[in-house]
Amino acid sequence: MERSIGTIPIAQPQRIPFWRDVRVLRVLAQVAFVLTVVIIVGLLYANLTQAMARRGMSTSFDFLKLEAGFAIKESVIPYDPSESYGKAFLVGVLNTLRVSLLGVILATLLGIIAGVARLSTNWLVNKIAAAYIEIFRNTPLLVQLFFWYFAVIQKFPPVRESIQLPGPIYLHQRGITIPALHPTPAFRLWAIGFAAGLVIGLVVYRILLVQQLETGRERHPGLVGFGLFVVLFGLGVLLSGGRPFTVETPVLQRFNFKGGSNLSPEFSALLIGLVVYTGAFIAEVVRAGILSVRKGQVEAARALGFSNMQALRLIIFPQALRVIIPPLTSQYLNLAKNSSLAVAVAYPDLYFIGGVIYNHQPGRPVPIIVLIMGTYLAMSLTTAILMNLYNRRIAFVER
């Protein structure tokens, strides 16, 4: 169809048939792909359920309510063999979270120290850090766990001949005994004051900072936010009328220690192995992040009179975090997943207890595996989300 302006005809654009429209074809291709995947997964699931039914297996999770009937020698929460399989699995999850959280904190500290030492101009410090990184990065973690458990902790002296370190910390064949902190009745008010001060201080800081950026008037957001935190936390301390914790120091008696907290040989070996192994990788991540900062930033800091430590803390490290955080997230995820090697030293983690449950319920391999995989997946996704939020927070924004 044509129309004309004056004597010049203008052709109307013809509508493209939908079977030749690239946009429609792309959508149809995606729909076809999704349907194909759904059909394949459905067929695999049908084959799996039929094969399991022929062998008397089940995909039900109702066994989690049954009595477990086995003991767990190390638990974060009270547990008894008369408890359910679900409670036993929860014990394994909490044990995994315990070693993973402590491992992340200690490995980060060790990695930062070793990474900075690797860049030191002191020859001895530099070479010691390099030797640590190369040895533990290039040795299998399983071998390291065997080393820490059988060649180190199992060779500690008996309890009566314990090695005493400052703290006091005692090393012996039954593990590592350290002082214990016990909350007092005043802890609740301390915690309420701290939490209220932190939340309100951050909210007020954010509001004042936005107002300052919009109006250009000085609002002193940092000073006001910190002042509110100090006031509310101090109010909680005054109302509590006491200390939040009591320190219980271990005392060596005739055959064992009284007081304090004892870290089992299995937990100690696993924690040390994870920290030392992951710390070596984090050290290289930190070193690469520091080297990514432009040399002009360092020269400018020195020209302004900053010491090396001040330049590292105030200028270099904050900029290096933009490079450090993404690979650091991967190391945190690896540490959590590598904790499944706890089975090698008989620490009752998530994977270990999952295997024990399978031995008691051999007809339910699929639900047990799904529980284990789902728990590790949830831990990894939570860690990745939190780290990505922080990475987005510190990301460089071009204007």
Protein backbone atom coordinates (compact mmCIF):
# COMPACT_ATOMS: atom_id res chain seq x y z
CA MET A 1 0.00 0.00 0.00
CA GLU A 2 1.30 3.41 -0.92
CA ARG A 3 0.38 6.94 -0.11
CA SER A 4 1.65 10.12 -1.75
CA ILE A 5 2.69 13.57 -0.67
CA GLY A 6 1.95 15.80 -3.60
CA THR A 7 3.18 13.84 -6.60
CA ILE A 8 5.84 11.74 -4.73
CA PRO A 9 4.58 8.28 -3.68
CA ILE A 10 5.79 6.98 -0.25
CA ALA A 11 5.86 3.21 0.30
CA GLN A 12 4.41 1.93 3.59
CA PRO A 13 6.72 -0.50 5.50
CA GLN A 14 5.42 -4.05 5.21
CA ARG A 15 4.87 -6.02 8.41
CA ILE A 16 7.34 -8.92 8.84
CA PRO A 17 5.62 -12.29 9.35
CA PHE A 18 6.18 -13.64 12.89
CA TRP A 19 7.96 -16.77 11.57
CA ARG A 20 10.62 -14.47 10.09
CA ASP A 21 10.79 -11.99 12.99
CA VAL A 22 14.15 -12.39 14.74
CA ARG A 23 12.75 -11.25 18.09
CA VAL A 24 9.94 -13.81 17.98
CA LEU A 25 12.33 -16.57 16.91
CA ARG A 26 14.63 -15.81 19.84
CA VAL A 27 11.78 -16.11 22.31
CA LEU A 28 10.55 -19.33 20.72
CA ALA A 29 14.08 -20.79 20.83
CA GLN A 30 14.36 -20.03 24.54
CA VAL A 31 10.94 -21.54 25.24
CA ALA A 32 11.88 -24.66 23.27
CA PHE A 33 15.14 -24.97 25.19
CA VAL A 34 13.39 -24.69 28.57
CA LEU A 35 10.77 -27.26 27.55
CA THR A 36 13.51 -29.64 26.38
CA VAL A 37 15.34 -29.33 29.70
CA VAL A 38 12.11 -29.87 31.66
CA ILE A 39 11.27 -32.98 29.64
CA ILE A 40 14.77 -34.43 30.07
CA VAL A 41 14.74 -33.77 33.82
CA GLY A 42 11.26 -35.28 34.09
CA LEU A 43 12.35 -38.43 32.26
CA LEU A 44 15.45 -38.78 34.43
CA TYR A 45 13.39 -38.30 37.60
CA ALA A 46 10.81 -40.87 36.44
CA ASN A 47 13.57 -43.41 35.68
CA LEU A 48 15.19 -42.69 39.05
CA THR A 49 11.99 -43.16 41.04
CA GLN A 50 11.14 -46.39 39.16
CA ALA A 51 14.62 -47.80 39.76
CA MET A 52 14.49 -46.85 43.44
CA ALA A 53 11.02 -48.40 43.81
CA ARG A 54 12.28 -51.70 42.34
CA ARG A 55 15.08 -51.73 44.92
CA GLY A 56 12.86 -50.77 47.84
CA MET A 57 14.34 -47.27 48.20
CA SER A 58 12.46 -44.10 49.06
CA THR A 59 12.73 -40.39 48.35
CA SER A 60 10.74 -39.42 51.44
CA PHE A 61 12.24 -37.32 54.25
CA ASP A 62 9.97 -38.80 56.93
CA PHE A 63 12.91 -40.71 58.44
CA LEU A 64 14.18 -37.43 59.92
CA LYS A 65 11.57 -37.81 62.68
CA LEU A 66 12.79 -41.26 63.70
CA GLU A 67 15.13 -41.89 66.63
CA ALA A 68 18.78 -41.65 65.57
CA GLY A 69 20.19 -44.12 68.09
CA PHE A 70 23.83 -43.06 67.72
CA ALA A 71 26.01 -40.75 69.79
CA ILE A 72 27.93 -37.70 68.59
CA LYS A 73 30.98 -36.97 70.67
CA GLU A 74 31.16 -33.27 69.83
CA SER A 75 28.14 -30.97 69.55
CA VAL A 76 27.43 -27.26 69.73
CA ILE A 77 23.94 -27.92 71.12
CA PRO A 78 22.78 -30.59 73.60
CA TYR A 79 22.25 -33.92 71.84
CA ASP A 80 21.26 -37.39 72.99
CA PRO A 81 21.09 -40.66 70.99
CA SER A 82 17.35 -40.73 71.65
CA GLU A 83 16.99 -37.56 69.54
CA SER A 84 15.78 -37.69 65.93
CA TYR A 85 17.82 -37.96 62.77
CA GLY A 86 16.85 -34.36 62.03
CA LYS A 87 18.42 -33.21 65.30
CA ALA A 88 21.57 -35.23 64.54
CA PHE A 89 21.80 -33.63 61.09
CA LEU A 90 21.36 -30.19 62.67
CA VAL A 91 24.31 -30.96 64.97
CA GLY A 92 26.43 -31.67 61.89
CA VAL A 93 25.33 -28.42 60.24
CA LEU A 94 26.19 -26.38 63.35
CA ASN A 95 29.57 -28.12 63.70
CA THR A 96 30.34 -27.24 60.06
CA LEU A 97 29.28 -23.63 60.58
CA ARG A 98 31.41 -23.44 63.71
CA VAL A 99 34.63 -24.53 62.04
CA SER A 100 33.84 -22.56 58.86
CA LEU A 101 33.19 -19.23 60.61
CA LEU A 102 36.26 -19.52 62.82
CA GLY A 103 38.28 -20.65 59.82
CA VAL A 104 37.19 -17.67 57.71
CA ILE A 105 38.15 -15.18 60.43
CA LEU A 106 41.53 -16.74 61.26
CA ALA A 107 42.44 -17.47 57.62
CA THR A 108 41.69 -13.86 56.69
CA LEU A 109 43.96 -12.54 59.44
CA LEU A 110 46.73 -14.98 58.54
CA GLY A 111 46.37 -14.24 54.83
CA ILE A 112 46.57 -10.47 55.31
CA ILE A 113 49.68 -10.79 57.48
CA ALA A 114 51.39 -13.21 55.09
CA GLY A 115 50.39 -11.17 52.02
CA VAL A 116 51.82 -7.95 53.47
CA ALA A 117 54.93 -9.80 54.65
CA ARG A 118 55.40 -11.15 51.13
CA LEU A 119 55.87 -7.54 49.95
CA SER A 120 58.20 -6.60 52.80
CA THR A 121 61.58 -5.14 51.95
CA ASN A 122 63.07 -7.19 54.79
CA TRP A 123 64.72 -10.19 53.12
CA LEU A 124 64.10 -12.65 55.96
CA VAL A 125 60.42 -11.73 56.43
CA ASN A 126 59.83 -11.85 52.68
CA LYS A 127 61.41 -15.28 52.26
CA ILE A 128 59.63 -16.79 55.27
CA ALA A 129 56.28 -15.60 53.91
CA ALA A 130 57.15 -16.88 50.43
CA ALA A 131 58.14 -20.31 51.82
CA TYR A 132 54.90 -20.58 53.79
CA ILE A 133 52.77 -19.64 50.78
CA GLU A 134 54.50 -21.97 48.31
CA ILE A 135 54.62 -24.97 50.66
CA PHE A 136 51.02 -24.92 51.82
CA ARG A 137 49.49 -23.80 48.51
CA ASN A 138 51.13 -26.68 46.65
CA THR A 139 50.39 -29.45 49.14
CA PRO A 140 47.03 -31.30 49.16
CA LEU A 141 44.79 -30.29 52.04
CA LEU A 142 44.07 -33.91 52.94
CA VAL A 143 47.79 -34.55 53.45
CA GLN A 144 48.02 -31.44 55.62
CA LEU A 145 45.11 -32.59 57.77
CA PHE A 146 46.84 -35.94 58.35
CA PHE A 147 50.02 -34.07 59.25
CA TRP A 148 48.35 -31.79 61.79
CA TYR A 149 46.35 -34.61 63.35
CA PHE A 150 48.77 -37.53 63.45
CA ALA A 151 52.20 -35.84 63.36
CA VAL A 152 51.47 -32.80 65.54
CA ILE A 153 48.45 -33.01 67.84
CA GLN A 154 48.72 -36.75 68.51
CA LYS A 155 52.36 -36.18 69.48
CA PHE A 156 51.49 -33.63 72.18
CA PRO A 157 52.42 -34.73 75.71
CA PRO A 158 49.88 -36.23 78.15
CA VAL A 159 47.57 -33.93 80.09
CA ARG A 160 49.77 -33.87 83.21
CA GLU A 161 52.74 -32.73 81.07
CA SER A 162 50.82 -30.18 78.99
CA ILE A 163 52.69 -27.47 77.11
CA GLN A 164 51.63 -24.12 78.55
CA LEU A 165 51.40 -21.07 76.32
CA PRO A 166 50.47 -17.50 77.29
CA GLY A 167 46.77 -17.06 77.91
CA PRO A 168 47.01 -19.57 79.54
CA ILE A 169 46.65 -22.07 76.69
CA TYR A 170 47.52 -25.73 77.20
CA LEU A 171 48.50 -28.19 74.46
CA HIS A 172 48.07 -31.90 75.19
CA GLN A 173 46.93 -35.17 73.61
CA ARG A 174 43.28 -34.43 74.35
CA GLY A 175 43.38 -31.25 72.31
CA ILE A 176 43.87 -27.59 73.18
CA THR A 177 42.49 -26.12 76.41
CA ILE A 178 41.82 -22.37 76.45
CA PRO A 179 40.13 -19.91 78.83
CA ALA A 180 36.34 -19.77 78.46
CA LEU A 181 34.00 -16.77 78.47
CA HIS A 182 30.67 -17.20 80.24
CA PRO A 183 27.92 -14.55 79.91
CA THR A 184 26.64 -12.96 83.10
CA PRO A 185 23.10 -11.63 83.77
CA ALA A 186 24.44 -8.20 82.74
CA PHE A 187 25.24 -9.45 79.24
CA ARG A 188 21.70 -8.88 77.98
CA LEU A 189 21.74 -5.12 78.66
CA TRP A 190 25.26 -4.86 77.24
CA ALA A 191 24.06 -6.58 74.05
CA ILE A 192 20.90 -4.46 73.79
CA GLY A 193 22.89 -1.24 74.26
CA PHE A 194 25.48 -2.30 71.71
CA ALA A 195 22.91 -3.37 69.09
CA ALA A 196 20.72 -0.27 69.58
CA GLY A 197 23.72 2.05 69.43
CA LEU A 198 25.08 0.37 66.32
CA VAL A 199 21.78 0.37 64.39
CA ILE A 200 20.65 3.88 65.38
CA GLY A 201 24.14 5.29 64.89
CA LEU A 202 24.38 3.84 61.36
CA VAL A 203 20.89 5.04 60.41
CA VAL A 204 21.55 8.58 61.66
CA TYR A 205 24.96 8.58 59.97
CA ARG A 206 23.36 7.60 56.67
CA ILE A 207 20.61 10.24 56.93
CA LEU A 208 23.01 13.04 57.79
CA LEU A 209 25.42 11.98 55.06
CA VAL A 210 22.66 12.14 52.43
CA GLN A 211 21.54 15.55 53.69
CA GLN A 212 25.12 16.82 53.59
CA LEU A 213 25.58 15.66 49.99
CA GLU A 214 22.25 17.18 48.90
CA THR A 215 22.52 20.55 50.68
CA GLY A 216 26.28 21.01 50.84
CA ARG A 217 26.03 21.95 54.54
CA GLU A 218 28.30 20.26 57.04
CA ARG A 219 26.27 17.81 59.17
CA HIS A 220 29.14 15.91 60.85
CA PRO A 221 27.56 12.48 60.16
CA GLY A 222 30.48 10.45 61.47
CA LEU A 223 30.75 12.37 64.72
CA VAL A 224 27.01 12.30 65.40
CA GLY A 225 26.63 8.61 64.53
CA PHE A 226 29.58 7.60 66.67
CA GLY A 227 28.34 9.79 69.51
CA LEU A 228 24.93 8.10 69.47
CA PHE A 229 26.59 4.69 69.52
CA VAL A 230 28.75 5.65 72.51
CA VAL A 231 25.78 7.14 74.41
CA LEU A 232 23.45 4.17 73.88
CA PHE A 233 26.14 1.58 74.50
CA GLY A 234 27.28 3.47 77.62
CA LEU A 235 23.67 3.59 78.83
CA GLY A 236 23.43 -0.17 78.47
CA VAL A 237 26.68 -0.61 80.39
CA LEU A 238 25.47 1.67 83.22
CA LEU A 239 22.11 -0.07 83.50
CA SER A 240 23.68 -3.52 83.52
CA GLY A 241 25.76 -2.72 86.59
CA GLY A 242 28.37 -5.38 85.93
CA ARG A 243 30.65 -7.15 83.50
CA PRO A 244 29.09 -8.98 80.52
CA PHE A 245 31.41 -11.96 80.79
CA THR A 246 33.36 -13.88 83.37
CA VAL A 247 36.64 -15.46 82.29
CA GLU A 248 37.06 -19.04 83.44
CA THR A 249 40.74 -19.98 83.48
CA PRO A 250 41.59 -23.68 83.12
CA VAL A 251 43.33 -25.22 86.13
CA LEU A 252 45.31 -28.45 85.82
CA GLN A 253 44.20 -30.98 88.42
CA ARG A 254 45.21 -34.58 88.91
CA PHE A 255 44.09 -36.16 85.64
CA ASN A 256 42.39 -33.37 83.71
CA PHE A 257 41.68 -29.66 83.54
CA LYS A 258 38.95 -27.99 85.53
CA GLY A 259 37.30 -24.99 83.89
CA GLY A 260 38.09 -23.41 80.58
CA SER A 261 37.10 -24.79 77.20
CA ASN A 262 38.69 -27.75 75.45
CA LEU A 263 39.05 -27.95 71.68
CA SER A 264 39.09 -31.60 70.66
CA PRO A 265 42.04 -32.99 68.67
CA GLU A 266 39.76 -33.51 65.65
CA PHE A 267 38.40 -29.97 65.69
CA SER A 268 41.86 -28.49 66.32
CA ALA A 269 43.46 -30.40 63.44
CA LEU A 270 40.66 -29.48 61.03
CA LEU A 271 40.66 -25.81 62.03
CA ILE A 272 44.45 -25.47 61.82
CA GLY A 273 44.55 -27.26 58.47
CA LEU A 274 41.81 -25.12 56.93
CA VAL A 275 43.28 -21.87 58.27
CA VAL A 276 46.85 -22.55 57.19
CA TYR A 277 45.84 -23.89 53.76
CA THR A 278 43.32 -21.18 52.91
CA GLY A 279 45.49 -18.45 54.45
CA ALA A 280 48.20 -19.21 51.88
CA PHE A 281 45.77 -18.57 49.01
CA ILE A 282 44.38 -15.44 50.66
CA ALA A 283 47.94 -14.15 51.06
CA GLU A 284 48.42 -14.23 47.29
CA VAL A 285 45.07 -12.53 46.78
CA VAL A 286 46.08 -9.75 49.19
CA ARG A 287 49.49 -9.38 47.53
CA ALA A 288 47.90 -9.08 44.09
CA GLY A 289 45.40 -6.53 45.38
CA ILE A 290 48.09 -4.35 46.92
CA LEU A 291 50.21 -4.49 43.76
CA SER A 292 47.19 -3.42 41.70
CA VAL A 293 47.15 0.01 43.38
CA ARG A 294 48.94 2.56 41.25
CA LYS A 295 52.43 3.46 42.35
CA GLY A 296 51.50 7.14 42.27
CA GLN A 297 49.13 6.58 45.21
CA VAL A 298 52.00 5.28 47.32
CA GLU A 299 54.28 8.14 46.28
CA ALA A 300 51.55 10.68 47.07
CA ALA A 301 51.06 9.17 50.54
CA ARG A 302 54.78 9.38 51.25
CA ALA A 303 54.90 12.97 49.96
CA LEU A 304 52.17 13.85 52.47
CA GLY A 305 54.25 12.42 55.31
CA PHE A 306 52.37 9.16 55.86
CA SER A 307 54.31 6.32 57.42
CA ASN A 308 54.35 2.95 55.64
CA MET A 309 51.70 1.57 57.99
CA GLN A 310 49.49 4.65 57.64
CA ALA A 311 49.80 4.56 53.85
CA LEU A 312 48.89 0.85 53.82
CA ARG A 313 45.95 1.26 56.18
CA LEU A 314 44.48 4.52 54.86
CA ILE A 315 45.46 4.70 51.19
CA ILE A 316 46.55 1.39 49.70
CA PHE A 317 44.41 -1.25 51.37
CA PRO A 318 41.02 0.50 50.89
CA GLN A 319 41.72 0.75 47.15
CA ALA A 320 43.07 -2.81 47.00
CA LEU A 321 39.83 -4.17 48.44
CA ARG A 322 38.12 -3.64 45.07
CA VAL A 323 40.50 -6.23 43.61
CA ILE A 324 40.71 -8.45 46.69
CA ILE A 325 37.02 -9.06 47.46
CA PRO A 326 35.95 -11.14 44.38
CA PRO A 327 38.71 -13.80 44.64
CA LEU A 328 38.47 -13.65 48.45
CA THR A 329 34.84 -14.73 48.15
CA SER A 330 35.96 -17.81 46.25
CA GLN A 331 38.41 -18.68 49.02
CA TYR A 332 35.69 -18.40 51.65
CA LEU A 333 33.48 -20.73 49.61
CA ASN A 334 36.37 -23.18 49.18
CA LEU A 335 37.03 -23.19 52.92
CA ALA A 336 33.41 -24.06 53.72
CA LYS A 337 33.36 -26.85 51.13
CA ASN A 338 36.80 -28.17 52.12
CA SER A 339 35.49 -28.64 55.66
CA SER A 340 33.87 -31.83 54.31
CA LEU A 341 37.35 -33.40 54.59
CA ALA A 342 36.66 -33.49 58.34
CA VAL A 343 35.75 -37.14 57.80
CA ALA A 344 39.51 -37.83 57.47
CA VAL A 345 40.08 -36.86 61.13
CA ALA A 346 36.67 -38.07 62.39
CA TYR A 347 35.29 -34.62 63.21
CA PRO A 348 31.46 -34.89 63.22
CA ASP A 349 30.67 -32.30 60.59
CA LEU A 350 27.77 -32.18 58.15
CA TYR A 351 29.23 -34.70 55.70
CA PHE A 352 30.42 -37.08 58.44
CA ILE A 353 27.02 -37.23 60.17
CA GLY A 354 25.29 -37.53 56.80
CA GLY A 355 27.36 -40.67 56.18
CA VAL A 356 26.42 -42.07 59.60
CA ILE A 357 22.73 -41.45 58.88
CA TYR A 358 23.10 -43.25 55.53
CA ASN A 359 24.59 -46.28 57.32
CA HIS A 360 21.50 -46.38 59.55
CA GLN A 361 19.09 -45.70 56.64
CA PRO A 362 20.68 -47.39 53.60
CA GLY A 363 17.43 -47.26 51.63
CA ARG A 364 17.39 -43.45 51.51
CA PRO A 365 20.53 -42.33 49.67
CA VAL A 366 18.81 -39.68 47.55
CA PRO A 367 17.18 -37.61 50.36
CA ILE A 368 20.39 -37.77 52.42
CA ILE A 369 22.50 -36.59 49.47
CA VAL A 370 19.95 -33.87 48.70
CA LEU A 371 20.13 -32.67 52.32
CA ILE A 372 23.92 -32.53 52.25
CA MET A 373 24.13 -30.81 48.87
CA GLY A 374 21.30 -28.40 49.70
CA THR A 375 22.96 -27.36 52.96
CA TYR A 376 26.34 -26.71 51.32
CA LEU A 377 24.56 -24.82 48.53
CA ALA A 378 22.68 -22.64 51.03
CA MET A 379 25.90 -21.87 52.92
CA SER A 380 27.74 -20.99 49.71
CA LEU A 381 24.94 -18.82 48.33
CA THR A 382 24.61 -16.94 51.63
CA THR A 383 28.34 -16.26 51.73
CA ALA A 384 28.39 -15.17 48.09
CA ILE A 385 25.41 -12.82 48.56
CA LEU A 386 26.94 -11.12 51.60
CA MET A 387 30.32 -10.73 49.92
CA ASN A 388 28.74 -9.43 46.71
CA LEU A 389 26.77 -6.84 48.67
CA TYR A 390 29.98 -5.66 50.30
CA ASN A 391 31.80 -5.69 46.97
CA ARG A 392 29.06 -3.56 45.43
CA ARG A 393 29.35 -1.20 48.36
CA ILE A 394 33.07 -0.54 47.83
CA ALA A 395 33.04 -0.76 44.02
CA PHE A 396 34.51 2.19 42.15
CA VAL A 397 31.77 4.24 40.52
CA GLU A 398 32.73 6.31 37.48
CA ARG A 399 31.07 9.70 37.19
